[in-house]
Amino acid sequence: GPFRDALDSAPIRREGVPLDKRSYQMDPANGQEAVHE
C-alpha cells in the first residue's frame, strides 16, 4: 500500500479494470510455485 501511495500506482476503480493484481501476481498460499517461477 505505501509504495502505491508513493507512485499513485494502485489499480483504478472503473469498469473493465481488474480491482487487484491476483491474475498475475502469486497466490500467498503457494510456495512450490515460487520454485517453478
Full PDB file with SEQRES, HELIX, SHEET, SSBOND, CRYST1, ORIGX, SCALE, CONECT and MASTER records, all heavy atoms in Angstrom:
SEQRES   1 A   37  GLY PRO PHE ARG ASP ALA LEU ASP SER ALA PRO ILE ARG          
SEQRES   2 A   37  ARG GLU GLY VAL PRO LEU ASP LYS ARG SER TYR GLN MET          
SEQRES   3 A   37  ASP PRO ALA ASN GLY GLN GLU ALA VAL HIS GLU                  
HELIX    1 AA1 PRO A    2  LEU A    7  1                                   6    
HELIX    2 AA2 GLN A   32  HIS A   36  1                                   5    
CRYST1    1.000    1.000    1.000  90.00  90.00  90.00 P 1           1          
ORIGX1      1.000000  0.000000  0.000000        0.00000                         
ORIGX2      0.000000  1.000000  0.000000        0.00000                         
ORIGX3      0.000000  0.000000  1.000000        0.00000                         
SCALE1      1.000000  0.000000  0.000000        0.00000                         
SCALE2      0.000000  1.000000  0.000000        0.00000                         
SCALE3      0.000000  0.000000  1.000000        0.00000                         
ATOM      1  N   GLY A   1       0.778  -1.236   0.000  1.00  0.00           N  
ATOM      2  CA  GLY A   1       0.000   0.000   0.000  1.00  0.00           C  
ATOM      3  C   GLY A   1       0.808   1.283   0.000  1.00  0.00           C  
ATOM      4  O   GLY A   1       0.570   2.166  -0.840  1.00  0.00           O  
ATOM      5  N   PRO A   2       1.774   1.464   0.906  1.00  0.00           N  
ATOM      6  CA  PRO A   2       2.529   2.724   0.910  1.00  0.00           C  
ATOM      7  C   PRO A   2       3.303   2.970  -0.387  1.00  0.00           C  
ATOM      8  O   PRO A   2       3.423   4.118  -0.825  1.00  0.00           O  
ATOM      9  CB  PRO A   2       3.479   2.547   2.106  1.00  0.00           C  
ATOM     10  CG  PRO A   2       2.769   1.590   3.008  1.00  0.00           C  
ATOM     11  CD  PRO A   2       2.084   0.625   2.085  1.00  0.00           C  
ATOM     12  N   PHE A   3       3.823   1.910  -1.007  1.00  0.00           N  
ATOM     13  CA  PHE A   3       4.521   2.061  -2.286  1.00  0.00           C  
ATOM     14  C   PHE A   3       3.569   2.622  -3.337  1.00  0.00           C  
ATOM     15  O   PHE A   3       3.922   3.536  -4.099  1.00  0.00           O  
ATOM     16  CB  PHE A   3       5.078   0.712  -2.736  1.00  0.00           C  
ATOM     17  CG  PHE A   3       5.777   0.743  -4.068  1.00  0.00           C  
ATOM     18  CD1 PHE A   3       7.151   0.904  -4.140  1.00  0.00           C  
ATOM     19  CD2 PHE A   3       5.069   0.600  -5.261  1.00  0.00           C  
ATOM     20  CE1 PHE A   3       7.802   0.931  -5.372  1.00  0.00           C  
ATOM     21  CE2 PHE A   3       5.711   0.629  -6.487  1.00  0.00           C  
ATOM     22  CZ  PHE A   3       7.078   0.788  -6.544  1.00  0.00           C  
ATOM     23  N   ARG A   4       2.357   2.070  -3.386  1.00  0.00           N  
ATOM     24  CA  ARG A   4       1.394   2.545  -4.380  1.00  0.00           C  
ATOM     25  C   ARG A   4       0.972   3.976  -4.100  1.00  0.00           C  
ATOM     26  O   ARG A   4       0.714   4.754  -5.031  1.00  0.00           O  
ATOM     27  CB  ARG A   4       0.194   1.599  -4.428  1.00  0.00           C  
ATOM     28  CG  ARG A   4       0.578   0.230  -4.981  1.00  0.00           C  
ATOM     29  CD  ARG A   4      -0.547  -0.782  -4.893  1.00  0.00           C  
ATOM     30  NE  ARG A   4      -0.107  -2.079  -5.397  1.00  0.00           N  
ATOM     31  CZ  ARG A   4      -0.804  -3.206  -5.292  1.00  0.00           C  
ATOM     32  NH1 ARG A   4      -1.994  -3.184  -4.706  1.00  0.00           N  
ATOM     33  NH2 ARG A   4      -0.331  -4.336  -5.776  1.00  0.00           N  
ATOM     34  N   ASP A   5       0.943   4.347  -2.821  1.00  0.00           N  
ATOM     35  CA  ASP A   5       0.678   5.749  -2.486  1.00  0.00           C  
ATOM     36  C   ASP A   5       1.810   6.642  -2.990  1.00  0.00           C  
ATOM     37  O   ASP A   5       1.573   7.742  -3.503  1.00  0.00           O  
ATOM     38  CB  ASP A   5       0.563   5.927  -0.968  1.00  0.00           C  
ATOM     39  CG  ASP A   5      -0.718   5.317  -0.403  1.00  0.00           C  
ATOM     40  OD1 ASP A   5      -1.636   5.029  -1.189  1.00  0.00           O  
ATOM     41  OD2 ASP A   5      -0.772   5.121   0.815  1.00  0.00           O  
ATOM     42  N   ALA A   6       3.035   6.174  -2.851  1.00  0.00           N  
ATOM     43  CA  ALA A   6       4.201   6.976  -3.247  1.00  0.00           C  
ATOM     44  C   ALA A   6       4.202   7.280  -4.731  1.00  0.00           C  
ATOM     45  O   ALA A   6       4.616   8.359  -5.152  1.00  0.00           O  
ATOM     46  CB  ALA A   6       5.481   6.252  -2.851  1.00  0.00           C  
ATOM     47  N   LEU A   7       3.732   6.320  -5.544  1.00  0.00           N  
ATOM     48  CA  LEU A   7       3.751   6.493  -7.001  1.00  0.00           C  
ATOM     49  C   LEU A   7       2.368   6.729  -7.586  1.00  0.00           C  
ATOM     50  O   LEU A   7       2.241   6.892  -8.799  1.00  0.00           O  
ATOM     51  CB  LEU A   7       4.369   5.259  -7.672  1.00  0.00           C  
ATOM     52  CG  LEU A   7       5.834   4.973  -7.366  1.00  0.00           C  
ATOM     53  CD1 LEU A   7       6.322   3.796  -8.202  1.00  0.00           C  
ATOM     54  CD2 LEU A   7       6.715   6.190  -7.623  1.00  0.00           C  
ATOM     55  N   ASP A   8       1.338   6.721  -6.739  1.00  0.00           N  
ATOM     56  CA  ASP A   8      -0.039   6.821  -7.223  1.00  0.00           C  
ATOM     57  C   ASP A   8      -0.275   5.772  -8.306  1.00  0.00           C  
ATOM     58  O   ASP A   8      -0.729   6.072  -9.410  1.00  0.00           O  
ATOM     59  CB  ASP A   8      -0.311   8.232  -7.772  1.00  0.00           C  
ATOM     60  CG  ASP A   8      -1.789   8.482  -8.044  1.00  0.00           C  
ATOM     61  OD1 ASP A   8      -2.627   7.776  -7.470  1.00  0.00           O  
ATOM     62  OD2 ASP A   8      -2.097   9.384  -8.864  1.00  0.00           O  
ATOM     63  N   SER A   9       0.035   4.512  -7.963  1.00  0.00           N  
ATOM     64  CA  SER A   9       0.029   3.448  -8.970  1.00  0.00           C  
ATOM     65  C   SER A   9      -0.917   2.297  -8.646  1.00  0.00           C  
ATOM     66  O   SER A   9      -0.775   1.209  -9.200  1.00  0.00           O  
ATOM     67  CB  SER A   9       1.449   2.899  -9.134  1.00  0.00           C  
ATOM     68  OG  SER A   9       1.916   2.323  -7.926  1.00  0.00           O  
ATOM     69  N   ALA A  10      -1.873   2.519  -7.747  1.00  0.00           N  
ATOM     70  CA  ALA A  10      -2.834   1.459  -7.433  1.00  0.00           C  
ATOM     71  C   ALA A  10      -3.800   1.270  -8.595  1.00  0.00           C  
ATOM     72  O   ALA A  10      -4.066   2.206  -9.361  1.00  0.00           O  
ATOM     73  CB  ALA A  10      -3.603   1.818  -6.165  1.00  0.00           C  
ATOM     74  N   PRO A  11      -4.336   0.049  -8.768  1.00  0.00           N  
ATOM     75  CA  PRO A  11      -5.337  -0.164  -9.819  1.00  0.00           C  
ATOM     76  C   PRO A  11      -6.509   0.814  -9.693  1.00  0.00           C  
ATOM     77  O   PRO A  11      -6.983   1.094  -8.590  1.00  0.00           O  
ATOM     78  CB  PRO A  11      -5.790  -1.613  -9.587  1.00  0.00           C  
ATOM     79  CG  PRO A  11      -4.614  -2.274  -8.949  1.00  0.00           C  
ATOM     80  CD  PRO A  11      -4.009  -1.207  -8.063  1.00  0.00           C  
ATOM     81  N   ILE A  12      -6.945   1.337 -10.831  1.00  0.00           N  
ATOM     82  CA  ILE A  12      -8.021   2.317 -10.868  1.00  0.00           C  
ATOM     83  C   ILE A  12      -9.369   1.599 -10.767  1.00  0.00           C  
ATOM     84  O   ILE A  12      -9.589   0.578 -11.420  1.00  0.00           O  
ATOM     85  CB  ILE A  12      -7.964   3.135 -12.179  1.00  0.00           C  
ATOM     86  CG1 ILE A  12      -6.615   3.839 -12.306  1.00  0.00           C  
ATOM     87  CG2 ILE A  12      -9.105   4.141 -12.241  1.00  0.00           C  
ATOM     88  CD1 ILE A  12      -6.297   4.798 -11.197  1.00  0.00           C  
ATOM     89  N   ARG A  13     -10.249   2.151  -9.959  1.00  0.00           N  
ATOM     90  CA  ARG A  13     -11.574   1.552  -9.813  1.00  0.00           C  
ATOM     91  C   ARG A  13     -12.500   2.104 -10.894  1.00  0.00           C  
ATOM     92  O   ARG A  13     -13.084   3.173 -10.748  1.00  0.00           O  
ATOM     93  CB  ARG A  13     -12.134   1.835  -8.419  1.00  0.00           C  
ATOM     94  CG  ARG A  13     -11.379   1.118  -7.317  1.00  0.00           C  
ATOM     95  CD  ARG A  13     -12.018   1.354  -5.961  1.00  0.00           C  
ATOM     96  NE  ARG A  13     -11.343   0.560  -4.940  1.00  0.00           N  
ATOM     97  CZ  ARG A  13     -11.648  -0.700  -4.635  1.00  0.00           C  
ATOM     98  NH1 ARG A  13     -12.642  -1.301  -5.277  1.00  0.00           N  
ATOM     99  NH2 ARG A  13     -10.986  -1.356  -3.707  1.00  0.00           N  
ATOM    100  N   ARG A  14     -12.577   1.376 -11.997  1.00  0.00           N  
ATOM    101  CA  ARG A  14     -13.545   1.717 -13.032  1.00  0.00           C  
ATOM    102  C   ARG A  14     -13.891   0.469 -13.837  1.00  0.00           C  
ATOM    103  O   ARG A  14     -13.161  -0.520 -13.803  1.00  0.00           O  
ATOM    104  CB  ARG A  14     -13.038   2.836 -13.939  1.00  0.00           C  
ATOM    105  CG  ARG A  14     -11.834   2.519 -14.792  1.00  0.00           C  
ATOM    106  CD  ARG A  14     -11.682   3.601 -15.876  1.00  0.00           C  
ATOM    107  NE  ARG A  14     -10.463   3.385 -16.645  1.00  0.00           N  
ATOM    108  CZ  ARG A  14      -9.353   4.085 -16.498  1.00  0.00           C  
ATOM    109  NH1 ARG A  14      -9.297   5.037 -15.589  1.00  0.00           N  
ATOM    110  NH2 ARG A  14      -8.299   3.831 -17.244  1.00  0.00           N  
ATOM    111  N   GLU A  15     -14.965   0.531 -14.550  1.00  0.00           N  
ATOM    112  CA  GLU A  15     -15.463  -0.634 -15.276  1.00  0.00           C  
ATOM    113  C   GLU A  15     -14.428  -1.112 -16.296  1.00  0.00           C  
ATOM    114  O   GLU A  15     -13.812  -0.319 -17.010  1.00  0.00           O  
ATOM    115  CB  GLU A  15     -16.770  -0.294 -15.990  1.00  0.00           C  
ATOM    116  CG  GLU A  15     -17.429  -1.489 -16.651  1.00  0.00           C  
ATOM    117  CD  GLU A  15     -18.765  -1.145 -17.279  1.00  0.00           C  
ATOM    118  OE1 GLU A  15     -19.232   0.004 -17.095  1.00  0.00           O  
ATOM    119  OE2 GLU A  15     -19.330  -2.024 -17.953  1.00  0.00           O  
ATOM    120  N   GLY A  16     -14.214  -2.420 -16.320  1.00  0.00           N  
ATOM    121  CA  GLY A  16     -13.293  -3.009 -17.284  1.00  0.00           C  
ATOM    122  C   GLY A  16     -11.870  -3.110 -16.796  1.00  0.00           C  
ATOM    123  O   GLY A  16     -11.000  -3.597 -17.506  1.00  0.00           O  
ATOM    124  N   VAL A  17     -11.598  -2.637 -15.563  1.00  0.00           N  
ATOM    125  CA  VAL A  17     -10.251  -2.708 -14.993  1.00  0.00           C  
ATOM    126  C   VAL A  17     -10.281  -3.631 -13.779  1.00  0.00           C  
ATOM    127  O   VAL A  17     -11.070  -3.397 -12.852  1.00  0.00           O  
ATOM    128  CB  VAL A  17      -9.736  -1.308 -14.574  1.00  0.00           C  
ATOM    129  CG1 VAL A  17      -8.368  -1.420 -13.920  1.00  0.00           C  
ATOM    130  CG2 VAL A  17      -9.670  -0.382 -15.778  1.00  0.00           C  
ATOM    131  N   PRO A  18      -9.460  -4.690 -13.748  1.00  0.00           N  
ATOM    132  CA  PRO A  18      -9.433  -5.576 -12.571  1.00  0.00           C  
ATOM    133  C   PRO A  18      -9.107  -4.787 -11.317  1.00  0.00           C  
ATOM    134  O   PRO A  18      -8.271  -3.879 -11.327  1.00  0.00           O  
ATOM    135  CB  PRO A  18      -8.322  -6.569 -12.913  1.00  0.00           C  
ATOM    136  CG  PRO A  18      -8.234  -6.555 -14.400  1.00  0.00           C  
ATOM    137  CD  PRO A  18      -8.552  -5.156 -14.809  1.00  0.00           C  
ATOM    138  N   LEU A  19      -9.779  -5.136 -10.234  1.00  0.00           N  
ATOM    139  CA  LEU A  19      -9.605  -4.392  -8.990  1.00  0.00           C  
ATOM    140  C   LEU A  19      -8.316  -4.736  -8.266  1.00  0.00           C  
ATOM    141  O   LEU A  19      -7.897  -4.017  -7.354  1.00  0.00           O  
ATOM    142  CB  LEU A  19     -10.795  -4.656  -8.057  1.00  0.00           C  
ATOM    143  CG  LEU A  19     -12.146  -4.120  -8.542  1.00  0.00           C  
ATOM    144  CD1 LEU A  19     -13.242  -4.494  -7.551  1.00  0.00           C  
ATOM    145  CD2 LEU A  19     -12.091  -2.607  -8.718  1.00  0.00           C  
ATOM    146  N   ASP A  20      -7.698  -5.859  -8.623  1.00  0.00           N  
ATOM    147  CA  ASP A  20      -6.462  -6.266  -7.969  1.00  0.00           C  
ATOM    148  C   ASP A  20      -5.543  -6.926  -8.994  1.00  0.00           C  
ATOM    149  O   ASP A  20      -5.855  -6.957 -10.190  1.00  0.00           O  
ATOM    150  CB  ASP A  20      -6.736  -7.208  -6.786  1.00  0.00           C  
ATOM    151  CG  ASP A  20      -7.537  -8.438  -7.198  1.00  0.00           C  
ATOM    152  OD1 ASP A  20      -7.214  -9.035  -8.258  1.00  0.00           O  
ATOM    153  OD2 ASP A  20      -8.471  -8.823  -6.472  1.00  0.00           O  
ATOM    154  N   LYS A  21      -4.411  -7.441  -8.509  1.00  0.00           N  
ATOM    155  CA  LYS A  21      -3.398  -7.993  -9.405  1.00  0.00           C  
ATOM    156  C   LYS A  21      -3.245  -9.505  -9.253  1.00  0.00           C  
ATOM    157  O   LYS A  21      -2.210 -10.079  -9.580  1.00  0.00           O  
ATOM    158  CB  LYS A  21      -2.056  -7.284  -9.162  1.00  0.00           C  
ATOM    159  CG  LYS A  21      -2.140  -5.772  -9.354  1.00  0.00           C  
ATOM    160  CD  LYS A  21      -0.788  -5.088  -9.278  1.00  0.00           C  
ATOM    161  CE  LYS A  21      -0.918  -3.585  -9.534  1.00  0.00           C  
ATOM    162  NZ  LYS A  21       0.403  -2.900  -9.593  1.00  0.00           N  
ATOM    163  N   ARG A  22      -4.312 -10.148  -8.771  1.00  0.00           N  
ATOM    164  CA  ARG A  22      -4.228 -11.574  -8.482  1.00  0.00           C  
ATOM    165  C   ARG A  22      -4.134 -12.454  -9.721  1.00  0.00           C  
ATOM    166  O   ARG A  22      -3.765 -13.623  -9.614  1.00  0.00           O  
ATOM    167  CB  ARG A  22      -5.429 -11.991  -7.628  1.00  0.00           C  
ATOM    168  CG  ARG A  22      -5.429 -11.358  -6.250  1.00  0.00           C  
ATOM    169  CD  ARG A  22      -6.678 -11.708  -5.448  1.00  0.00           C  
ATOM    170  NE  ARG A  22      -6.708 -10.996  -4.193  1.00  0.00           N  
ATOM    171  CZ  ARG A  22      -6.138 -11.426  -3.068  1.00  0.00           C  
ATOM    172  NH1 ARG A  22      -5.502 -12.581  -3.060  1.00  0.00           N  
ATOM    173  NH2 ARG A  22      -6.201 -10.713  -1.973  1.00  0.00           N  
ATOM    174  N   SER A  23      -4.464 -11.909 -10.891  1.00  0.00           N  
ATOM    175  CA  SER A  23      -4.384 -12.730 -12.104  1.00  0.00           C  
ATOM    176  C   SER A  23      -2.952 -12.874 -12.616  1.00  0.00           C  
ATOM    177  O   SER A  23      -2.687 -13.686 -13.505  1.00  0.00           O  
ATOM    178  CB  SER A  23      -5.275 -12.153 -13.209  1.00  0.00           C  
ATOM    179  OG  SER A  23      -4.748 -10.924 -13.685  1.00  0.00           O  
ATOM    180  N   TYR A  24      -2.019 -12.103 -12.048  1.00  0.00           N  
ATOM    181  CA  TYR A  24      -0.628 -12.261 -12.480  1.00  0.00           C  
ATOM    182  C   TYR A  24       0.360 -12.330 -11.322  1.00  0.00           C  
ATOM    183  O   TYR A  24       1.385 -13.001 -11.415  1.00  0.00           O  
ATOM    184  CB  TYR A  24      -0.211 -11.188 -13.499  1.00  0.00           C  
ATOM    185  CG  TYR A  24      -0.511  -9.754 -13.159  1.00  0.00           C  
ATOM    186  CD1 TYR A  24       0.457  -8.914 -12.633  1.00  0.00           C  
ATOM    187  CD2 TYR A  24      -1.765  -9.208 -13.424  1.00  0.00           C  
ATOM    188  CE1 TYR A  24       0.194  -7.587 -12.364  1.00  0.00           C  
ATOM    189  CE2 TYR A  24      -2.049  -7.876 -13.163  1.00  0.00           C  
ATOM    190  CZ  TYR A  24      -1.067  -7.065 -12.633  1.00  0.00           C  
ATOM    191  OH  TYR A  24      -1.334  -5.738 -12.367  1.00  0.00           O  
ATOM    192  N   GLN A  25       0.088 -11.677 -10.189  1.00  0.00           N  
ATOM    193  CA  GLN A  25       0.952 -11.862  -9.024  1.00  0.00           C  
ATOM    194  C   GLN A  25       0.557 -13.151  -8.303  1.00  0.00           C  
ATOM    195  O   GLN A  25      -0.561 -13.641  -8.437  1.00  0.00           O  
ATOM    196  CB  GLN A  25       0.840 -10.655  -8.085  1.00  0.00           C  
ATOM    197  CG  GLN A  25       1.398  -9.387  -8.702  1.00  0.00           C  
ATOM    198  CD  GLN A  25       1.276  -8.175  -7.797  1.00  0.00           C  
ATOM    199  OE1 GLN A  25       0.662  -8.233  -6.737  1.00  0.00           O  
ATOM    200  NE2 GLN A  25       1.847  -7.064  -8.238  1.00  0.00           N  
ATOM    201  N   MET A  26       1.482 -13.708  -7.518  1.00  0.00           N  
ATOM    202  CA  MET A  26       1.302 -15.050  -6.983  1.00  0.00           C  
ATOM    203  C   MET A  26       0.342 -15.097  -5.796  1.00  0.00           C  
ATOM    204  O   MET A  26       0.233 -14.151  -5.016  1.00  0.00           O  
ATOM    205  CB  MET A  26       2.648 -15.644  -6.575  1.00  0.00           C  
ATOM    206  CG  MET A  26       3.494 -16.091  -7.748  1.00  0.00           C  
ATOM    207  SD  MET A  26       5.054 -16.815  -7.197  1.00  0.00           S  
ATOM    208  CE  MET A  26       4.469 -18.056  -6.039  1.00  0.00           C  
ATOM    209  N   ASP A  27      -0.300 -16.243  -5.648  1.00  0.00           N  
ATOM    210  CA  ASP A  27      -1.193 -16.522  -4.529  1.00  0.00           C  
ATOM    211  C   ASP A  27      -0.350 -16.696  -3.260  1.00  0.00           C  
ATOM    212  O   ASP A  27       0.563 -17.523  -3.223  1.00  0.00           O  
ATOM    213  CB  ASP A  27      -1.968 -17.805  -4.825  1.00  0.00           C  
ATOM    214  CG  ASP A  27      -3.049 -18.112  -3.796  1.00  0.00           C  
ATOM    215  OD1 ASP A  27      -2.926 -17.678  -2.637  1.00  0.00           O  
ATOM    216  OD2 ASP A  27      -4.009 -18.809  -4.162  1.00  0.00           O  
ATOM    217  N   PRO A  28      -0.651 -15.932  -2.188  1.00  0.00           N  
ATOM    218  CA  PRO A  28       0.130 -16.065  -0.951  1.00  0.00           C  
ATOM    219  C   PRO A  28       0.131 -17.467  -0.350  1.00  0.00           C  
ATOM    220  O   PRO A  28       0.996 -17.774   0.475  1.00  0.00           O  
ATOM    221  CB  PRO A  28      -0.555 -15.067  -0.005  1.00  0.00           C  
ATOM    222  CG  PRO A  28      -1.134 -14.039  -0.909  1.00  0.00           C  
ATOM    223  CD  PRO A  28      -1.603 -14.809  -2.113  1.00  0.00           C  
ATOM    224  N   ALA A  29      -0.799 -18.319  -0.768  1.00  0.00           N  
ATOM    225  CA  ALA A  29      -0.862 -19.678  -0.222  1.00  0.00           C  
ATOM    226  C   ALA A  29       0.153 -20.622  -0.859  1.00  0.00           C  
ATOM    227  O   ALA A  29       0.344 -21.742  -0.378  1.00  0.00           O  
ATOM    228  CB  ALA A  29      -2.272 -20.250  -0.398  1.00  0.00           C  
ATOM    229  N   ASN A  30       0.809 -20.187  -1.932  1.00  0.00           N  
ATOM    230  CA  ASN A  30       1.652 -21.096  -2.714  1.00  0.00           C  
ATOM    231  C   ASN A  30       3.139 -20.882  -2.458  1.00  0.00           C  
ATOM    232  O   ASN A  30       3.613 -19.746  -2.464  1.00  0.00           O  
ATOM    233  CB  ASN A  30       1.376 -20.928  -4.204  1.00  0.00           C  
ATOM    234  CG  ASN A  30      -0.039 -21.349  -4.581  1.00  0.00           C  
ATOM    235  OD1 ASN A  30      -0.760 -21.900  -3.745  1.00  0.00           O  
ATOM    236  ND2 ASN A  30      -0.427 -21.106  -5.808  1.00  0.00           N  
ATOM    237  N   GLY A  31       3.853 -21.994  -2.239  1.00  0.00           N  
ATOM    238  CA  GLY A  31       5.299 -21.957  -2.050  1.00  0.00           C  
ATOM    239  C   GLY A  31       6.042 -22.661  -3.161  1.00  0.00           C  
ATOM    240  O   GLY A  31       6.989 -22.120  -3.730  1.00  0.00           O  
ATOM    241  N   GLN A  32       5.637 -23.872  -3.513  1.00  0.00           N  
ATOM    242  CA  GLN A  32       6.307 -24.630  -4.563  1.00  0.00           C  
ATOM    243  C   GLN A  32       6.247 -23.892  -5.897  1.00  0.00           C  
ATOM    244  O   GLN A  32       7.171 -23.960  -6.696  1.00  0.00           O  
ATOM    245  CB  GLN A  32       5.674 -26.019  -4.692  1.00  0.00           C  
ATOM    246  CG  GLN A  32       6.332 -26.914  -5.745  1.00  0.00           C  
ATOM    247  CD  GLN A  32       7.806 -27.167  -5.456  1.00  0.00           C  
ATOM    248  OE1 GLN A  32       8.206 -27.282  -4.296  1.00  0.00           O  
ATOM    249  NE2 GLN A  32       8.610 -27.257  -6.503  1.00  0.00           N  
ATOM    250  N   GLU A  33       5.151 -23.168  -6.115  1.00  0.00           N  
ATOM    251  CA  GLU A  33       5.022 -22.412  -7.353  1.00  0.00           C  
ATOM    252  C   GLU A  33       6.163 -21.406  -7.513  1.00  0.00           C  
ATOM    253  O   GLU A  33       6.595 -21.110  -8.638  1.00  0.00           O  
ATOM    254  CB  GLU A  33       3.677 -21.690  -7.372  1.00  0.00           C  
ATOM    255  CG  GLU A  33       3.404 -20.933  -8.663  1.00  0.00           C  
ATOM    256  CD  GLU A  33       2.109 -20.144  -8.613  1.00  0.00           C  
ATOM    257  OE1 GLU A  33       1.508 -20.030  -7.513  1.00  0.00           O  
ATOM    258  OE2 GLU A  33       1.709 -19.622  -9.662  1.00  0.00           O  
ATOM    259  N   ALA A  34       6.668 -20.882  -6.402  1.00  0.00           N  
ATOM    260  CA  ALA A  34       7.765 -19.918  -6.462  1.00  0.00           C  
ATOM    261  C   ALA A  34       9.022 -20.556  -7.050  1.00  0.00           C  
ATOM    262  O   ALA A  34       9.765 -19.911  -7.799  1.00  0.00           O  
ATOM    263  CB  ALA A  34       8.057 -19.366  -5.074  1.00  0.00           C  
ATOM    264  N   VAL A  35       9.272 -21.820  -6.706  1.00  0.00           N  
ATOM    265  CA  VAL A  35      10.427 -22.531  -7.263  1.00  0.00           C  
ATOM    266  C   VAL A  35      10.262 -22.664  -8.772  1.00  0.00           C  
ATOM    267  O   VAL A  35      11.212 -22.465  -9.543  1.00  0.00           O  
ATOM    268  CB  VAL A  35      10.593 -23.908  -6.605  1.00  0.00           C  
ATOM    269  CG1 VAL A  35      11.773 -24.661  -7.220  1.00  0.00           C  
ATOM    270  CG2 VAL A  35      10.779 -23.775  -5.099  1.00  0.00           C  
ATOM    271  N   HIS A  36       9.050 -22.992  -9.199  1.00  0.00           N  
ATOM    272  CA  HIS A  36       8.778 -23.134 -10.633  1.00  0.00           C  
ATOM    273  C   HIS A  36       8.989 -21.806 -11.356  1.00  0.00           C  
ATOM    274  O   HIS A  36       9.674 -21.743 -12.390  1.00  0.00           O  
ATOM    275  CB  HIS A  36       7.348 -23.637 -10.821  1.00  0.00           C  
ATOM    276  CG  HIS A  36       6.948 -23.835 -12.250  1.00  0.00           C  
ATOM    277  ND1 HIS A  36       7.651 -24.657 -13.114  1.00  0.00           N  
ATOM    278  CD2 HIS A  36       5.915 -23.322 -12.976  1.00  0.00           C  
ATOM    279  CE1 HIS A  36       7.077 -24.639 -14.301  1.00  0.00           C  
ATOM    280  NE2 HIS A  36       6.029 -23.836 -14.246  1.00  0.00           N  
ATOM    281  N   GLU A  37       8.408 -20.730 -10.809  1.00  0.00           N  
ATOM    282  CA  GLU A  37       8.548 -19.410 -11.425  1.00  0.00           C  
ATOM    283  C   GLU A  37      10.018 -18.994 -11.532  1.00  0.00           C  
ATOM    284  O   GLU A  37      10.480 -18.524 -12.574  1.00  0.00           O  
ATOM    285  CB  GLU A  37       7.778 -18.370 -10.607  1.00  0.00           C  
ATOM    286  CG  GLU A  37       6.277 -18.428 -10.743  1.00  0.00           C  
ATOM    287  CD  GLU A  37       5.778 -17.653 -11.949  1.00  0.00           C  
ATOM    288  OE1 GLU A  37       6.604 -17.225 -12.773  1.00  0.00           O  
ATOM    289  OE2 GLU A  37       4.553 -17.469 -12.058  1.00  0.00           O  
TER     290      GLU A  37                                                      
MASTER        0    0    0    2    0    0    0    6  289    1    0    3          
END                                                                             
